[in-house]
PDB file of N, CA and C in Angstrom:
ATOM      1  N   MET A   1      88.430  86.846  67.920  1.00  0.00           N
ATOM      2  CA  MET A   1      87.745  86.430  69.124  1.00  0.00           C
ATOM      3  C   MET A   1      88.711  86.475  70.301  1.00  0.00           C
ATOM      4  N   ILE A   2      88.287  87.066  71.393  1.00  0.00           N
ATOM      5  CA  ILE A   2      89.090  87.098  72.617  1.00  0.00           C
ATOM      6  C   ILE A   2      88.955  85.749  73.298  1.00  0.00           C
ATOM      7  N   THR A   3      90.077  85.146  73.653  1.00  0.00           N
ATOM      8  CA  THR A   3      90.050  83.799  74.230  1.00  0.00           C
ATOM      9  C   THR A   3      90.473  83.740  75.690  1.00  0.00           C
ATOM     10  N   ALA A   4      91.019  84.830  76.233  1.00  0.00           N
ATOM     11  CA  ALA A   4      91.477  84.806  77.622  1.00  0.00           C
ATOM     12  C   ALA A   4      91.777  86.226  78.082  1.00  0.00           C
ATOM     13  N   VAL A   5      92.051  86.372  79.367  1.00  0.00           N
ATOM     14  CA  VAL A   5      92.497  87.637  79.941  1.00  0.00           C
ATOM     15  C   VAL A   5      93.901  87.418  80.481  1.00  0.00           C
ATOM     16  N   HIS A   6      94.819  88.301  80.140  1.00  0.00           N
ATOM     17  CA  HIS A   6      96.194  88.242  80.624  1.00  0.00           C
ATOM     18  C   HIS A   6      96.359  89.345  81.660  1.00  0.00           C
ATOM     19  N   THR A   7      96.723  88.985  82.875  1.00  0.00           N
ATOM     20  CA  THR A   7      96.928  89.972  83.927  1.00  0.00           C
ATOM     21  C   THR A   7      98.414  90.064  84.245  1.00  0.00           C
ATOM     22  N   LEU A   8      98.828  91.188  84.786  1.00  0.00           N
ATOM     23  CA  LEU A   8     100.226  91.418  85.140  1.00  0.00           C
ATOM     24  C   LEU A   8     100.340  91.827  86.598  1.00  0.00           C
ATOM     25  N   ILE A   9     101.387  91.372  87.245  1.00  0.00           N
ATOM     26  CA  ILE A   9     101.772  91.862  88.556  1.00  0.00           C
ATOM     27  C   ILE A   9     103.145  92.497  88.374  1.00  0.00           C
ATOM     28  N   TYR A  10     103.271  93.763  88.752  1.00  0.00           N
ATOM     29  CA  TYR A  10     104.567  94.427  88.696  1.00  0.00           C
ATOM     30  C   TYR A  10     105.241  94.268  90.045  1.00  0.00           C
ATOM     31  N   SER A  11     106.499  93.857  90.035  1.00  0.00           N
ATOM     32  CA  SER A  11     107.217  93.537  91.256  1.00  0.00           C
ATOM     33  C   SER A  11     108.615  94.130  91.217  1.00  0.00           C
ATOM     34  N   ASP A  12     109.102  94.592  92.372  1.00  0.00           N
ATOM     35  CA  ASP A  12     110.476  95.080  92.467  1.00  0.00           C
ATOM     36  C   ASP A  12     111.479  93.944  92.314  1.00  0.00           C
ATOM     37  N   ASP A  13     111.081  92.733  92.694  1.00  0.00           N
ATOM     38  CA  ASP A  13     111.919  91.545  92.572  1.00  0.00           C
ATOM     39  C   ASP A  13     111.078  90.447  91.910  1.00  0.00           C
ATOM     40  N   ALA A  14     110.998  90.518  90.593  1.00  0.00           N
ATOM     41  CA  ALA A  14     110.116  89.634  89.827  1.00  0.00           C
ATOM     42  C   ALA A  14     110.434  88.156  90.056  1.00  0.00           C
ATOM     43  N   GLU A  15     111.696  87.814  90.187  1.00  0.00           N
ATOM     44  CA  GLU A  15     112.067  86.412  90.387  1.00  0.00           C
ATOM     45  C   GLU A  15     111.490  85.872  91.701  1.00  0.00           C
ATOM     46  N   THR A  16     111.573  86.658  92.777  1.00  0.00           N
ATOM     47  CA  THR A  16     111.011  86.241  94.068  1.00  0.00           C
ATOM     48  C   THR A  16     109.502  86.076  93.965  1.00  0.00           C
ATOM     49  N   THR A  17     108.850  87.016  93.306  1.00  0.00           N
ATOM     50  CA  THR A  17     107.396  86.936  93.141  1.00  0.00           C
ATOM     51  C   THR A  17     107.019  85.720  92.311  1.00  0.00           C
ATOM     52  N   ARG A  18     107.729  85.467  91.216  1.00  0.00           N
ATOM     53  CA  ARG A  18     107.441  84.285  90.377  1.00  0.00           C
ATOM     54  C   ARG A  18     107.629  82.997  91.183  1.00  0.00           C
ATOM     55  N   THR A  19     108.674  82.936  91.998  1.00  0.00           N
ATOM     56  CA  THR A  19     108.924  81.755  92.822  1.00  0.00           C
ATOM     57  C   THR A  19     107.760  81.521  93.780  1.00  0.00           C
ATOM     58  N   PHE A  20     107.247  82.579  94.393  1.00  0.00           N
ATOM     59  CA  PHE A  20     106.107  82.471  95.300  1.00  0.00           C
ATOM     60  C   PHE A  20     104.879  81.944  94.563  1.00  0.00           C
ATOM     61  N   LEU A  21     104.580  82.505  93.414  1.00  0.00           N
ATOM     62  CA  LEU A  21     103.408  82.058  92.644  1.00  0.00           C
ATOM     63  C   LEU A  21     103.554  80.594  92.226  1.00  0.00           C
ATOM     64  N   ARG A  22     104.765  80.204  91.868  1.00  0.00           N
ATOM     65  CA  ARG A  22     105.023  78.829  91.447  1.00  0.00           C
ATOM     66  C   ARG A  22     105.011  77.866  92.622  1.00  0.00           C
ATOM     67  N   ASP A  23     105.758  78.182  93.693  1.00  0.00           N
ATOM     68  CA  ASP A  23     105.982  77.220  94.768  1.00  0.00           C
ATOM     69  C   ASP A  23     104.944  77.274  95.883  1.00  0.00           C
ATOM     70  N   VAL A  24     104.444  78.447  96.217  1.00  0.00           N
ATOM     71  CA  VAL A  24     103.474  78.562  97.316  1.00  0.00           C
ATOM     72  C   VAL A  24     102.048  78.432  96.791  1.00  0.00           C
ATOM     73  N   LEU A  25     101.707  79.214  95.766  1.00  0.00           N
ATOM     74  CA  LEU A  25     100.360  79.089  95.209  1.00  0.00           C
ATOM     75  C   LEU A  25     100.226  77.847  94.337  1.00  0.00           C
ATOM     76  N   GLY A  26     101.327  77.327  93.846  1.00  0.00           N
ATOM     77  CA  GLY A  26     101.311  76.090  93.072  1.00  0.00           C
ATOM     78  C   GLY A  26     100.696  76.224  91.693  1.00  0.00           C
ATOM     79  N   TRP A  27     100.784  77.420  91.108  1.00  0.00           N
ATOM     80  CA  TRP A  27     100.173  77.621  89.797  1.00  0.00           C
ATOM     81  C   TRP A  27     101.007  76.978  88.696  1.00  0.00           C
ATOM     82  N   PRO A  28     100.364  76.236  87.805  1.00  0.00           N
ATOM     83  CA  PRO A  28     101.080  75.702  86.645  1.00  0.00           C
ATOM     84  C   PRO A  28     101.581  76.864  85.775  1.00  0.00           C
ATOM     85  N   HIS A  29     102.663  76.632  85.070  1.00  0.00           N
ATOM     86  CA  HIS A  29     103.275  77.715  84.311  1.00  0.00           C
ATOM     87  C   HIS A  29     104.060  77.181  83.131  1.00  0.00           C
ATOM     88  N   VAL A  30     104.416  78.087  82.256  1.00  0.00           N
ATOM     89  CA  VAL A  30     105.383  77.793  81.204  1.00  0.00           C
ATOM     90  C   VAL A  30     106.507  78.807  81.346  1.00  0.00           C
ATOM     91  N   ASP A  31     107.701  78.373  81.007  1.00  0.00           N
ATOM     92  CA  ASP A  31     108.848  79.270  81.008  1.00  0.00           C
ATOM     93  C   ASP A  31     109.008  79.740  79.568  1.00  0.00           C
ATOM     94  N   THR A  32     108.788  81.028  79.344  1.00  0.00           N
ATOM     95  CA  THR A  32     108.868  81.559  77.982  1.00  0.00           C
ATOM     96  C   THR A  32     110.299  81.911  77.600  1.00  0.00           C
ATOM     97  N   GLY A  33     111.240  81.618  78.494  1.00  0.00           N
ATOM     98  CA  GLY A  33     112.653  81.865  78.225  1.00  0.00           C
ATOM     99  C   GLY A  33     113.277  82.725  79.304  1.00  0.00           C
ATOM    100  N   ASP A  34     114.476  82.358  79.704  1.00  0.00           N
ATOM    101  CA  ASP A  34     115.247  83.122  80.689  1.00  0.00           C
ATOM    102  C   ASP A  34     114.516  83.308  82.019  1.00  0.00           C
ATOM    103  N   GLY A  35     113.702  82.321  82.423  1.00  0.00           N
ATOM    104  CA  GLY A  35     113.016  82.390  83.703  1.00  0.00           C
ATOM    105  C   GLY A  35     111.746  83.221  83.718  1.00  0.00           C
ATOM    106  N   TRP A  36     111.304  83.702  82.569  1.00  0.00           N
ATOM    107  CA  TRP A  36     110.052  84.455  82.491  1.00  0.00           C
ATOM    108  C   TRP A  36     108.903  83.459  82.508  1.00  0.00           C
ATOM    109  N   LEU A  37     108.287  83.298  83.678  1.00  0.00           N
ATOM    110  CA  LEU A  37     107.203  82.339  83.842  1.00  0.00           C
ATOM    111  C   LEU A  37     105.861  83.014  83.560  1.00  0.00           C
ATOM    112  N   ILE A  38     105.027  82.331  82.794  1.00  0.00           N
ATOM    113  CA  ILE A  38     103.648  82.765  82.564  1.00  0.00           C
ATOM    114  C   ILE A  38     102.774  81.720  83.232  1.00  0.00           C
ATOM    115  N   PHE A  39     101.901  82.165  84.131  1.00  0.00           N
ATOM    116  CA  PHE A  39     101.117  81.265  84.967  1.00  0.00           C
ATOM    117  C   PHE A  39      99.706  81.073  84.444  1.00  0.00           C
ATOM    118  N   LYS A  40      99.245  79.841  84.528  1.00  0.00           N
ATOM    119  CA  LYS A  40      97.837  79.555  84.271  1.00  0.00           C
ATOM    120  C   LYS A  40      97.108  79.865  85.576  1.00  0.00           C
ATOM    121  N   THR A  41      96.155  80.768  85.501  1.00  0.00           N
ATOM    122  CA  THR A  41      95.465  81.201  86.705  1.00  0.00           C
ATOM    123  C   THR A  41      94.045  80.652  86.797  1.00  0.00           C
ATOM    124  N   GLY A  42      93.647  79.855  85.857  1.00  0.00           N
ATOM    125  CA  GLY A  42      92.318  79.265  85.926  1.00  0.00           C
ATOM    126  C   GLY A  42      91.256  80.180  85.361  1.00  0.00           C
ATOM    127  N   PRO A  43      90.011  79.876  85.656  1.00  0.00           N
ATOM    128  CA  PRO A  43      88.915  80.710  85.148  1.00  0.00           C
ATOM    129  C   PRO A  43      89.056  82.147  85.656  1.00  0.00           C
ATOM    130  N   SER A  44      88.511  83.076  84.895  1.00  0.00           N
ATOM    131  CA  SER A  44      88.569  84.472  85.321  1.00  0.00           C
ATOM    132  C   SER A  44      87.222  85.139  85.089  1.00  0.00           C
ATOM    133  N   GLU A  45      87.064  86.261  85.761  1.00  0.00           N
ATOM    134  CA  GLU A  45      85.887  87.095  85.562  1.00  0.00           C
ATOM    135  C   GLU A  45      86.325  88.530  85.748  1.00  0.00           C
ATOM    136  N   MET A  46      85.543  89.463  85.257  1.00  0.00           N
ATOM    137  CA  MET A  46      85.913  90.866  85.367  1.00  0.00           C
ATOM    138  C   MET A  46      84.685  91.686  85.739  1.00  0.00           C
ATOM    139  N   GLY A  47      84.850  92.531  86.740  1.00  0.00           N
ATOM    140  CA  GLY A  47      83.810  93.475  87.116  1.00  0.00           C
ATOM    141  C   GLY A  47      84.284  94.879  86.818  1.00  0.00           C
ATOM    142  N   VAL A  48      83.369  95.811  86.711  1.00  0.00           N
ATOM    143  CA  VAL A  48      83.712  97.214  86.503  1.00  0.00           C
ATOM    144  C   VAL A  48      83.090  98.010  87.639  1.00  0.00           C
ATOM    145  N   HIS A  49      83.943  98.701  88.398  1.00  0.00           N
ATOM    146  CA  HIS A  49      83.502  99.495  89.544  1.00  0.00           C
ATOM    147  C   HIS A  49      83.715 100.971  89.236  1.00  0.00           C
ATOM    148  N   PRO A  50      82.874 101.841  89.769  1.00  0.00           N
ATOM    149  CA  PRO A  50      83.087 103.281  89.554  1.00  0.00           C
ATOM    150  C   PRO A  50      84.289 103.769  90.356  1.00  0.00           C
ATOM    151  N   THR A  51      84.930 104.824  89.867  1.00  0.00           N
ATOM    152  CA  THR A  51      86.037 105.410  90.620  1.00  0.00           C
ATOM    153  C   THR A  51      85.532 106.345  91.716  1.00  0.00           C
ATOM    154  N   SER A  52      84.279 106.742  91.620  1.00  0.00           N
ATOM    155  CA  SER A  52      83.687 107.525  92.701  1.00  0.00           C
ATOM    156  C   SER A  52      82.187 107.272  92.723  1.00  0.00           C
ATOM    157  N   GLU A  53      81.659 107.224  93.913  1.00  0.00           N
ATOM    158  CA  GLU A  53      80.227 107.004  94.093  1.00  0.00           C
ATOM    159  C   GLU A  53      79.863 107.459  95.499  1.00  0.00           C
ATOM    160  N   GLY A  54      78.911 108.342  95.601  1.00  0.00           N
ATOM    161  CA  GLY A  54      78.514 108.820  96.922  1.00  0.00           C
ATOM    162  C   GLY A  54      79.653 109.547  97.603  1.00  0.00           C
ATOM    163  N   GLU A  55      80.011 109.086  98.796  1.00  0.00           N
ATOM    164  CA  GLU A  55      81.024 109.766  99.608  1.00  0.00           C
ATOM    165  C   GLU A  55      82.442 109.229  99.424  1.00  0.00           C
ATOM    166  N   TRP A  56      82.644 108.242  98.578  1.00  0.00           N
ATOM    167  CA  TRP A  56      83.987 107.684  98.438  1.00  0.00           C
ATOM    168  C   TRP A  56      84.479 107.806  97.006  1.00  0.00           C
ATOM    169  N   SER A  57      85.801 107.767  96.863  1.00  0.00           N
ATOM    170  CA  SER A  57      86.411 107.741  95.538  1.00  0.00           C
ATOM    171  C   SER A  57      87.740 107.014  95.641  1.00  0.00           C
ATOM    172  N   ILE A  58      88.243 106.576  94.504  1.00  0.00           N
ATOM    173  CA  ILE A  58      89.491 105.813  94.458  1.00  0.00           C
ATOM    174  C   ILE A  58      90.227 106.186  93.173  1.00  0.00           C
ATOM    175  N   THR A  59      91.555 106.281  93.258  1.00  0.00           N
ATOM    176  CA  THR A  59      92.333 106.583  92.061  1.00  0.00           C
ATOM    177  C   THR A  59      92.819 105.310  91.374  1.00  0.00           C
ATOM    178  N   GLN A  60      92.736 104.197  92.084  1.00  0.00           N
ATOM    179  CA  GLN A  60      93.175 102.905  91.543  1.00  0.00           C
ATOM    180  C   GLN A  60      92.343 102.560  90.317  1.00  0.00           C
ATOM    181  N   LYS A  61      92.986 101.987  89.298  1.00  0.00           N
ATOM    182  CA  LYS A  61      92.275 101.665  88.067  1.00  0.00           C
ATOM    183  C   LYS A  61      92.181 100.162  87.794  1.00  0.00           C
ATOM    184  N   HIS A  62      93.027  99.346  88.437  1.00  0.00           N
ATOM    185  CA  HIS A  62      93.008  97.903  88.229  1.00  0.00           C
ATOM    186  C   HIS A  62      93.247  97.196  89.555  1.00  0.00           C
ATOM    187  N   GLU A  63      92.717  95.998  89.680  1.00  0.00           N
ATOM    188  CA  GLU A  63      92.950  95.185  90.871  1.00  0.00           C
ATOM    189  C   GLU A  63      92.869  93.721  90.467  1.00  0.00           C
ATOM    190  N   ILE A  64      93.719  92.909  91.072  1.00  0.00           N
ATOM    191  CA  ILE A  64      93.662  91.463  90.868  1.00  0.00           C
ATOM    192  C   ILE A  64      93.206  90.844  92.178  1.00  0.00           C
ATOM    193  N   SER A  65      92.187  90.013  92.105  1.00  0.00           N
ATOM    194  CA  SER A  65      91.690  89.311  93.285  1.00  0.00           C
ATOM    195  C   SER A  65      91.696  87.819  93.003  1.00  0.00           C
ATOM    196  N   LEU A  66      91.922  87.038  94.045  1.00  0.00           N
ATOM    197  CA  LEU A  66      91.889  85.583  93.929  1.00  0.00           C
ATOM    198  C   LEU A  66      90.626  85.079  94.612  1.00  0.00           C
ATOM    199  N   ILE A  67      89.921  84.155  93.961  1.00  0.00           N
ATOM    200  CA  ILE A  67      88.674  83.606  94.483  1.00  0.00           C
ATOM    201  C   ILE A  67      88.938  82.204  95.018  1.00  0.00           C
ATOM    202  N   CYS A  68      88.317  81.881  96.156  1.00  0.00           N
ATOM    203  CA  CYS A  68      88.401  80.531  96.703  1.00  0.00           C
ATOM    204  C   CYS A  68      87.017  80.106  97.180  1.00  0.00           C
ATOM    205  N   ASP A  69      86.828  78.820  97.399  1.00  0.00           N
ATOM    206  CA  ASP A  69      85.515  78.352  97.840  1.00  0.00           C
ATOM    207  C   ASP A  69      85.451  78.131  99.350  1.00  0.00           C
ATOM    208  N   ASP A  70      86.583  78.108 100.035  1.00  0.00           N
ATOM    209  CA  ASP A  70      86.618  77.970 101.497  1.00  0.00           C
ATOM    210  C   ASP A  70      87.799  78.793 101.996  1.00  0.00           C
ATOM    211  N   ILE A  71      87.539  80.025 102.386  1.00  0.00           N
ATOM    212  CA  ILE A  71      88.623  80.947 102.715  1.00  0.00           C
ATOM    213  C   ILE A  71      89.428  80.484 103.924  1.00  0.00           C
ATOM    214  N   ASN A  72      88.767  79.905 104.925  1.00  0.00           N
ATOM    215  CA  ASN A  72      89.504  79.448 106.108  1.00  0.00           C
ATOM    216  C   ASN A  72      90.475  78.331 105.752  1.00  0.00           C
ATOM    217  N   ALA A  73      90.038  77.370 104.976  1.00  0.00           N
ATOM    218  CA  ALA A  73      90.903  76.267 104.566  1.00  0.00           C
ATOM    219  C   ALA A  73      92.026  76.756 103.652  1.00  0.00           C
ATOM    220  N   THR A  74      91.703  77.679 102.742  1.00  0.00           N
ATOM    221  CA  THR A  74      92.709  78.189 101.811  1.00  0.00           C
ATOM    222  C   THR A  74      93.783  78.978 102.556  1.00  0.00           C
ATOM    223  N   VAL A  75      93.378  79.828 103.482  1.00  0.00           N
ATOM    224  CA  VAL A  75      94.340  80.602 104.268  1.00  0.00           C
ATOM    225  C   VAL A  75      95.229  79.663 105.087  1.00  0.00           C
ATOM    226  N   ALA A  76      94.631  78.666 105.719  1.00  0.00           N
ATOM    227  CA  ALA A  76      95.414  77.708 106.514  1.00  0.00           C
ATOM    228  C   ALA A  76      96.418  76.972 105.630  1.00  0.00           C
ATOM    229  N   ASP A  77      95.982  76.525 104.459  1.00  0.00           N
ATOM    230  CA  ASP A  77      96.861  75.804 103.536  1.00  0.00           C
ATOM    231  C   ASP A  77      98.010  76.690 103.075  1.00  0.00           C
ATOM    232  N   LEU A  78      97.703  77.929 102.699  1.00  0.00           N
ATOM    233  CA  LEU A  78      98.748  78.831 102.224  1.00  0.00           C
ATOM    234  C   LEU A  78      99.710  79.222 103.347  1.00  0.00           C
ATOM    235  N   ARG A  79      99.202  79.378 104.565  1.00  0.00           N
ATOM    236  CA  ARG A  79     100.091  79.685 105.702  1.00  0.00           C
ATOM    237  C   ARG A  79     101.063  78.531 105.945  1.00  0.00           C
ATOM    238  N   GLU A  80     100.588  77.301 105.808  1.00  0.00           N
ATOM    239  CA  GLU A  80     101.479  76.136 105.960  1.00  0.00           C
ATOM    240  C   GLU A  80     102.597  76.157 104.936  1.00  0.00           C
ATOM    241  N   LYS A  81     102.342  76.754 103.780  1.00  0.00           N
ATOM    242  CA  LYS A  81     103.339  76.831 102.717  1.00  0.00           C
ATOM    243  C   LYS A  81     104.208  78.081 102.833  1.00  0.00           C
ATOM    244  N   GLY A  82     103.977  78.888 103.863  1.00  0.00           N
ATOM    245  CA  GLY A  82     104.813  80.057 104.092  1.00  0.00           C
ATOM    246  C   GLY A  82     104.199  81.391 103.720  1.00  0.00           C
ATOM    247  N   ALA A  83     102.968  81.403 103.255  1.00  0.00           N
ATOM    248  CA  ALA A  83     102.320  82.661 102.885  1.00  0.00           C
ATOM    249  C   ALA A  83     101.963  83.466 104.125  1.00  0.00           C
ATOM    250  N   THR A  84     101.960  84.778 103.976  1.00  0.00           N
ATOM    251  CA  THR A  84     101.541  85.670 105.056  1.00  0.00           C
ATOM    252  C   THR A  84     100.395  86.550 104.556  1.00  0.00           C
ATOM    253  N   PHE A  85      99.593  87.003 105.498  1.00  0.00           N
ATOM    254  CA  PHE A  85      98.410  87.788 105.185  1.00  0.00           C
ATOM    255  C   PHE A  85      98.394  89.048 106.024  1.00  0.00           C
ATOM    256  N   LYS A  86      97.718  90.079 105.510  1.00  0.00           N
ATOM    257  CA  LYS A  86      97.508  91.307 106.271  1.00  0.00           C
ATOM    258  C   LYS A  86      96.134  91.234 106.908  1.00  0.00           C
ATOM    259  N   GLY A  87      96.082  91.456 108.202  1.00  0.00           N
ATOM    260  CA  GLY A  87      94.806  91.481 108.903  1.00  0.00           C
ATOM    261  C   GLY A  87      94.184  90.105 109.034  1.00  0.00           C
ATOM    262  N   GLU A  88      92.907  90.119 109.314  1.00  0.00           N
ATOM    263  CA  GLU A  88      92.133  88.890 109.481  1.00  0.00           C
ATOM    264  C   GLU A  88      91.048  88.832 108.418  1.00  0.00           C
ATOM    265  N   ILE A  89      90.405  87.709 108.292  1.00  0.00           N
ATOM    266  CA  ILE A  89      89.297  87.552 107.350  1.00  0.00           C
ATOM    267  C   ILE A  89      88.158  88.462 107.801  1.00  0.00           C
ATOM    268  N   GLU A  90      87.620  89.240 106.871  1.00  0.00           N
ATOM    269  CA  GLU A  90      86.532  90.166 107.163  1.00  0.00           C
ATOM    270  C   GLU A  90      85.398  89.983 106.164  1.00  0.00           C
ATOM    271  N   ASP A  91      84.200  90.276 106.583  1.00  0.00           N
ATOM    272  CA  ASP A  91      83.035  90.244 105.708  1.00  0.00           C
ATOM    273  C   ASP A  91      82.916  91.603 105.025  1.00  0.00           C
ATOM    274  N   HIS A  92      83.041  91.625 103.700  1.00  0.00           N
ATOM    275  CA  HIS A  92      82.950  92.867 102.935  1.00  0.00           C
ATOM    276  C   HIS A  92      81.613  92.977 102.205  1.00  0.00           C
ATOM    277  N   GLY A  93      80.636  92.185 102.591  1.00  0.00           N
ATOM    278  CA  GLY A  93      79.332  92.230 101.944  1.00  0.00           C
ATOM    279  C   GLY A  93      79.238  91.291 100.759  1.00  0.00           C
ATOM    280  N   PHE A  94      80.120  91.465  99.782  1.00  0.00           N
ATOM    281  CA  PHE A  94      80.132  90.603  98.601  1.00  0.00           C
ATOM    282  C   PHE A  94      80.803  89.268  98.882  1.00  0.00           C
ATOM    283  N   GLY A  95      81.581  89.212  99.987  1.00  0.00           N
ATOM    284  CA  GLY A  95      82.290  87.984 100.324  1.00  0.00           C
ATOM    285  C   GLY A  95      83.197  88.161 101.523  1.00  0.00           C
ATOM    286  N   LEU A  96      83.833  87.069 101.921  1.00  0.00           N
ATOM    287  CA  LEU A  96      84.799  87.072 103.012  1.00  0.00           C
ATOM    288  C   LEU A  96      86.168  87.353 102.416  1.00  0.00           C
ATOM    289  N   VAL A  97      86.908  88.298 103.001  1.00  0.00           N
ATOM    290  CA  VAL A  97      88.102  88.861 102.369  1.00  0.00           C
ATOM    291  C   VAL A  97      89.286  88.869 103.326  1.00  0.00           C
ATOM    292  N   ILE A  98      90.466  88.591 102.768  1.00  0.00           N
ATOM    293  CA  ILE A  98      91.746  88.807 103.451  1.00  0.00           C
ATOM    294  C   ILE A  98      92.754  89.170 102.363  1.00  0.00           C
ATOM    295  N   TYR A  99      93.832  89.852 102.746  1.00  0.00           N
ATOM    296  CA  TYR A  99      94.833  90.278 101.765  1.00  0.00           C
ATOM    297  C   TYR A  99      96.102  89.441 101.887  1.00  0.00           C
ATOM    298  N   LEU A 100      96.476  88.811 100.772  1.00  0.00           N
ATOM    299  CA  LEU A 100      97.656  87.958 100.668  1.00  0.00           C
ATOM    300  C   LEU A 100      98.857  88.820 100.315  1.00  0.00           C
ATOM    301  N   GLU A 101      99.901  88.757 101.153  1.00  0.00           N
ATOM    302  CA  GLU A 101     101.124  89.506 100.882  1.00  0.00           C
ATOM    303  C   GLU A 101     101.931  88.756  99.826  1.00  0.00           C
ATOM    304  N   ILE A 102     102.364  89.469  98.810  1.00  0.00           N
ATOM    305  CA  ILE A 102     103.142  88.878  97.716  1.00  0.00           C
ATOM    306  C   ILE A 102     104.588  89.332  97.859  1.00  0.00           C
ATOM    307  N   PRO A 103     105.524  88.393  98.030  1.00  0.00           N
ATOM    308  CA  PRO A 103     106.929  88.772  98.195  1.00  0.00           C
ATOM    309  C   PRO A 103     107.518  89.379  96.921  1.00  0.00           C
ATOM    310  N   GLY A 104     108.573  90.127  97.097  1.00  0.00           N
ATOM    311  CA  GLY A 104     109.286  90.686  95.960  1.00  0.00           C
ATOM    312  C   GLY A 104     108.903  92.119  95.648  1.00  0.00           C
ATOM    313  N   GLY A 105     108.145  92.735  96.544  1.00  0.00           N
ATOM    314  CA  GLY A 105     107.770  94.123  96.301  1.00  0.00           C
ATOM    315  C   GLY A 105     106.540  94.278  95.427  1.00  0.00           C
ATOM    316  N   ALA A 106     105.793  93.219  95.225  1.00  0.00           N
ATOM    317  CA  ALA A 106     104.545  93.287  94.462  1.00  0.00           C
ATOM    318  C   ALA A 106     103.412  93.671  95.407  1.00  0.00           C
ATOM    319  N   PRO A 107     102.350  94.262  94.871  1.00  0.00           N
ATOM    320  CA  PRO A 107     101.232  94.630  95.748  1.00  0.00           C
ATOM    321  C   PRO A 107     100.486  93.399  96.270  1.00  0.00           C
ATOM    322  N   ASP A 108      99.819  93.569  97.407  1.00  0.00           N
ATOM    323  CA  ASP A 108      99.011  92.489  97.978  1.00  0.00           C
ATOM    324  C   ASP A 108      97.882  92.120  97.018  1.00  0.00           C
ATOM    325  N   LEU A 109      97.420  90.877  97.126  1.00  0.00           N
ATOM    326  CA  LEU A 109      96.262  90.426  96.354  1.00  0.00           C
ATOM    327  C   LEU A 109      95.118  90.134  97.304  1.00  0.00           C
ATOM    328  N   MET A 110      93.925  90.569  96.932  1.00  0.00           N
ATOM    329  CA  MET A 110      92.745  90.220  97.708  1.00  0.00           C
ATOM    330  C   MET A 110      92.431  88.749  97.458  1.00  0.00           C
ATOM    331  N   LEU A 111      92.195  88.016  98.533  1.00  0.00           N
ATOM    332  CA  LEU A 111      91.712  86.643  98.463  1.00  0.00           C
ATOM    333  C   LEU A 111      90.320  86.669  99.056  1.00  0.00           C
ATOM    334  N   TYR A 112      89.341  86.140  98.298  1.00  0.00           N
ATOM    335  CA  TYR A 112      87.999  86.178  98.866  1.00  0.00           C
ATOM    336  C   TYR A 112      87.160  84.967  98.509  1.00  0.00           C
ATOM    337  N   GLN A 113      86.237  84.702  99.402  1.00  0.00           N
ATOM    338  CA  GLN A 113      85.218  83.670  99.212  1.00  0.00           C
ATOM    339  C   GLN A 113      83.928  84.426  98.923  1.00  0.00           C
ATOM    340  N   PRO A 114      83.477  84.402  97.666  1.00  0.00           N
ATOM    341  CA  PRO A 114      82.304  85.202  97.307  1.00  0.00           C
ATOM    342  C   PRO A 114      81.016  84.672  97.929  1.00  0.00           C
ATOM    343  N   LYS A 115      80.085  85.609  98.131  1.00  0.00           N
ATOM    344  CA  LYS A 115      78.752  85.240  98.590  1.00  0.00           C
ATOM    345  C   LYS A 115      77.800  85.097  97.402  1.00  0.00           C
ATOM    346  N   TYR A 116      78.320  85.307  96.204  1.00  0.00           N
ATOM    347  CA  TYR A 116      77.539  85.163  94.974  1.00  0.00           C
ATOM    348  C   TYR A 116      78.101  83.975  94.200  1.00  0.00           C
ATOM    349  N   ASP A 117      77.387  83.525  93.194  1.00  0.00           N
ATOM    350  CA  ASP A 117      77.882  82.450  92.342  1.00  0.00           C
ATOM    351  C   ASP A 117      78.776  83.065  91.273  1.00  0.00           C
ATOM    352  N   PRO A 118      80.103  82.909  91.376  1.00  0.00           N
ATOM    353  CA  PRO A 118      81.019  83.555  90.430  1.00  0.00           C
ATOM    354  C   PRO A 118      80.826  83.019  89.008  1.00  0.00           C
ATOM    355  N   PRO A 119      80.617  83.896  88.034  1.00  0.00           N
ATOM    356  CA  PRO A 119      80.451  83.428  86.661  1.00  0.00           C
ATOM    357  C   PRO A 119      81.662  82.677  86.137  1.00  0.00           C
ATOM    358  N   ALA A 120      82.862  82.994  86.668  1.00  0.00           N
ATOM    359  CA  ALA A 120      84.065  82.285  86.220  1.00  0.00           C
ATOM    360  C   ALA A 120      83.982  80.803  86.526  1.00  0.00           C
ATOM    361  N   ILE A 121      83.195  80.446  87.515  1.00  0.00           N
ATOM    362  CA  ILE A 121      83.101  79.052  87.955  1.00  0.00           C
ATOM    363  C   ILE A 121      81.766  78.426  87.575  1.00  0.00           C
ATOM    364  N   THR A 122      80.704  79.238  87.549  1.00  0.00           N
ATOM    365  CA  THR A 122      79.370  78.664  87.386  1.00  0.00           C
ATOM    366  C   THR A 122      78.825  78.715  85.961  1.00  0.00           C
ATOM    367  N   LEU A 123      79.393  79.547  85.092  1.00  0.00           N
ATOM    368  CA  LEU A 123      78.870  79.627  83.711  1.00  0.00           C
ATOM    369  C   LEU A 123      79.540  78.616  82.815  1.00  0.00           C
TER     370      LEU A 123
END
């Protein structure tokens, strides 16, 4: 039986990225040895999107997004803790979206407030 989903962030400076996830996002974690932190990320959900449809296509195969219930409050709270974002909050149809910059050479993470009832939270 599958009991969870394990996601990975690849970073040029893993220690800096782990520090950000621990200290700024405040995620609980365990140290599996030698500073290798594994973070509890809470409930999760997974969608499957096509790589091409109509006039658009994408080569990307995986994405990690963070869900919040009040994007304005979450962005303000994270900015107070030193987080930076790319652009401004935008309506993407499925939800309100902004991109959280992750230090250490890791890719940005989408932060969004969904307009649907997320199964990770409601089921």
